[in-house]
């Protein structure tokens, strides 16, 4: 899995690999400084819902 590089500026705009994520209404960044594990970013954002697909149950 290739991880994205995240940065958050002074205005709390979030960037993944240098590209801003727009319409963010909240976020939570979890990371332990002494851990070798990757950080976890949870983002809440406004989106339009078009078509939602799911696999049929067998």
N, C-alpha and C. Protein backbone atom coordinates (compact mmCIF):
# COMPACT_ATOMS: atom_id res chain seq x y z
N UNK A 1 0.84 -1.17 0.00
CA UNK A 1 0.00 0.00 0.00
C UNK A 1 0.89 1.24 0.00
N UNK A 2 0.65 2.12 -0.94
CA UNK A 2 1.41 3.37 -1.02
C UNK A 2 0.68 4.44 -0.21
N UNK A 3 1.35 4.96 0.82
CA UNK A 3 0.72 5.95 1.68
C UNK A 3 0.86 7.35 1.10
N UNK A 4 -0.13 8.19 1.36
CA UNK A 4 -0.11 9.58 0.93
C UNK A 4 0.64 10.41 1.97
N UNK A 5 1.21 11.52 1.53
CA UNK A 5 1.87 12.47 2.41
C UNK A 5 0.84 13.55 2.78
N UNK A 6 0.59 13.74 4.07
CA UNK A 6 -0.41 14.71 4.50
C UNK A 6 0.27 15.92 5.13
N UNK A 7 -0.29 17.09 4.88
CA UNK A 7 0.14 18.30 5.58
C UNK A 7 -1.10 19.14 5.87
N UNK A 8 -1.04 19.84 7.00
CA UNK A 8 -2.15 20.69 7.43
C UNK A 8 -1.56 22.06 7.71
N UNK A 9 -2.10 23.10 7.04
CA UNK A 9 -1.53 24.44 7.21
C UNK A 9 -2.14 25.17 8.41
N UNK A 10 -1.71 26.41 8.62
CA UNK A 10 -2.16 27.20 9.77
C UNK A 10 -3.67 27.47 9.73
N UNK A 11 -4.27 27.43 8.55
CA UNK A 11 -5.72 27.63 8.41
C UNK A 11 -6.48 26.31 8.44
N UNK A 12 -5.78 25.23 8.81
CA UNK A 12 -6.32 23.88 8.91
C UNK A 12 -6.85 23.34 7.58
N UNK A 13 -6.24 23.79 6.49
CA UNK A 13 -6.51 23.18 5.19
C UNK A 13 -5.66 21.92 5.10
N UNK A 14 -6.24 20.84 4.59
CA UNK A 14 -5.55 19.56 4.52
C UNK A 14 -5.11 19.30 3.09
N UNK A 15 -3.85 18.87 2.94
CA UNK A 15 -3.29 18.57 1.64
C UNK A 15 -2.78 17.13 1.63
N UNK A 16 -3.13 16.39 0.58
CA UNK A 16 -2.60 15.05 0.35
C UNK A 16 -1.71 15.11 -0.87
N UNK A 17 -0.46 14.77 -0.70
CA UNK A 17 0.53 14.85 -1.77
C UNK A 17 0.50 16.22 -2.46
N UNK A 18 0.32 17.28 -1.66
CA UNK A 18 0.35 18.64 -2.17
C UNK A 18 -0.96 19.15 -2.74
N UNK A 19 -1.99 18.31 -2.82
CA UNK A 19 -3.28 18.73 -3.38
C UNK A 19 -4.30 18.89 -2.24
N UNK A 20 -4.95 20.06 -2.22
CA UNK A 20 -5.90 20.34 -1.14
C UNK A 20 -7.15 19.47 -1.25
N UNK A 21 -7.60 18.97 -0.10
CA UNK A 21 -8.89 18.29 -0.01
C UNK A 21 -9.91 19.37 0.31
N UNK A 22 -10.87 19.56 -0.57
CA UNK A 22 -11.86 20.64 -0.39
C UNK A 22 -13.11 20.13 0.34
N UNK A 23 -13.89 21.07 0.86
CA UNK A 23 -15.17 20.82 1.53
C UNK A 23 -15.04 20.04 2.83
N UNK A 24 -13.88 20.12 3.47
CA UNK A 24 -13.68 19.43 4.74
C UNK A 24 -14.40 20.20 5.85
N UNK A 25 -15.21 19.48 6.63
CA UNK A 25 -15.93 20.10 7.75
C UNK A 25 -15.35 19.69 9.10
N UNK A 26 -14.50 18.69 9.10
CA UNK A 26 -13.85 18.25 10.33
C UNK A 26 -12.83 17.17 10.02
N UNK A 27 -11.90 16.97 10.95
CA UNK A 27 -10.91 15.92 10.76
C UNK A 27 -10.35 15.49 12.11
N UNK A 28 -9.76 14.31 12.13
CA UNK A 28 -9.08 13.80 13.32
C UNK A 28 -7.81 13.11 12.83
N UNK A 29 -6.68 13.52 13.37
CA UNK A 29 -5.39 12.95 13.01
C UNK A 29 -4.86 12.21 14.22
N UNK A 30 -4.64 10.91 14.08
CA UNK A 30 -4.13 10.09 15.18
C UNK A 30 -2.74 9.58 14.82
N UNK A 31 -1.79 9.88 15.70
CA UNK A 31 -0.42 9.43 15.47
C UNK A 31 0.33 9.44 16.80
N UNK A 32 1.09 8.40 17.04
CA UNK A 32 1.91 8.33 18.23
C UNK A 32 3.36 8.54 17.83
N UNK A 33 4.00 9.53 18.42
CA UNK A 33 5.35 9.92 18.02
C UNK A 33 6.35 8.78 18.12
N UNK A 34 6.17 7.88 19.08
CA UNK A 34 7.14 6.80 19.25
C UNK A 34 6.76 5.53 18.50
N UNK A 35 5.76 5.62 17.62
CA UNK A 35 5.29 4.45 16.88
C UNK A 35 5.86 4.44 15.47
N UNK A 36 6.14 3.24 14.98
CA UNK A 36 6.59 3.11 13.59
C UNK A 36 5.40 2.91 12.64
N UNK A 37 4.20 2.84 13.20
CA UNK A 37 2.99 2.67 12.40
C UNK A 37 2.63 3.99 11.72
N UNK A 38 1.94 3.92 10.57
CA UNK A 38 1.50 5.15 9.91
C UNK A 38 0.42 5.86 10.73
N UNK A 39 0.27 7.15 10.52
CA UNK A 39 -0.78 7.93 11.17
C UNK A 39 -2.12 7.60 10.53
N UNK A 40 -3.20 7.88 11.25
CA UNK A 40 -4.55 7.66 10.75
C UNK A 40 -5.26 9.00 10.66
N UNK A 41 -5.76 9.33 9.46
CA UNK A 41 -6.48 10.58 9.23
C UNK A 41 -7.93 10.24 8.91
N UNK A 42 -8.85 10.78 9.71
CA UNK A 42 -10.28 10.62 9.47
C UNK A 42 -10.82 11.99 9.07
N UNK A 43 -11.48 12.06 7.90
CA UNK A 43 -11.96 13.34 7.36
C UNK A 43 -13.47 13.29 7.21
N UNK A 44 -14.13 14.37 7.62
CA UNK A 44 -15.56 14.56 7.38
C UNK A 44 -15.68 15.68 6.36
N UNK A 45 -16.47 15.42 5.30
CA UNK A 45 -16.59 16.43 4.25
C UNK A 45 -17.96 16.37 3.60
N UNK A 46 -18.37 17.47 2.99
CA UNK A 46 -19.62 17.52 2.25
C UNK A 46 -19.40 17.00 0.84
N UNK A 47 -20.29 16.12 0.38
CA UNK A 47 -20.22 15.57 -0.97
C UNK A 47 -21.62 15.46 -1.54
N UNK A 48 -21.71 15.41 -2.87
CA UNK A 48 -22.97 15.08 -3.54
C UNK A 48 -22.98 13.58 -3.78
N UNK A 49 -24.12 12.97 -3.57
CA UNK A 49 -24.23 11.53 -3.77
C UNK A 49 -24.92 11.29 -5.10
N UNK A 50 -24.21 10.63 -6.00
CA UNK A 50 -24.78 10.24 -7.27
C UNK A 50 -25.37 8.86 -7.14
N UNK A 51 -24.65 7.92 -7.63
CA UNK A 51 -25.10 6.53 -7.60
C UNK A 51 -24.28 5.76 -6.58
N UNK A 52 -24.95 5.03 -5.73
CA UNK A 52 -24.27 4.20 -4.74
C UNK A 52 -24.50 2.75 -5.12
N UNK A 53 -23.43 2.02 -5.35
CA UNK A 53 -23.52 0.63 -5.78
C UNK A 53 -23.09 -0.28 -4.65
N UNK A 54 -23.69 -1.45 -4.60
CA UNK A 54 -23.24 -2.47 -3.65
C UNK A 54 -23.34 -3.81 -4.32
N UNK A 55 -22.54 -4.74 -3.83
CA UNK A 55 -22.58 -6.09 -4.40
C UNK A 55 -23.84 -6.80 -3.94
N UNK A 56 -24.42 -7.59 -4.82
CA UNK A 56 -25.60 -8.36 -4.43
C UNK A 56 -25.18 -9.48 -3.52
N UNK A 57 -26.05 -9.81 -2.58
CA UNK A 57 -25.74 -10.90 -1.66
C UNK A 57 -26.04 -12.23 -2.33
N UNK A 58 -25.15 -13.18 -2.11
CA UNK A 58 -25.30 -14.50 -2.74
C UNK A 58 -25.81 -15.51 -1.76
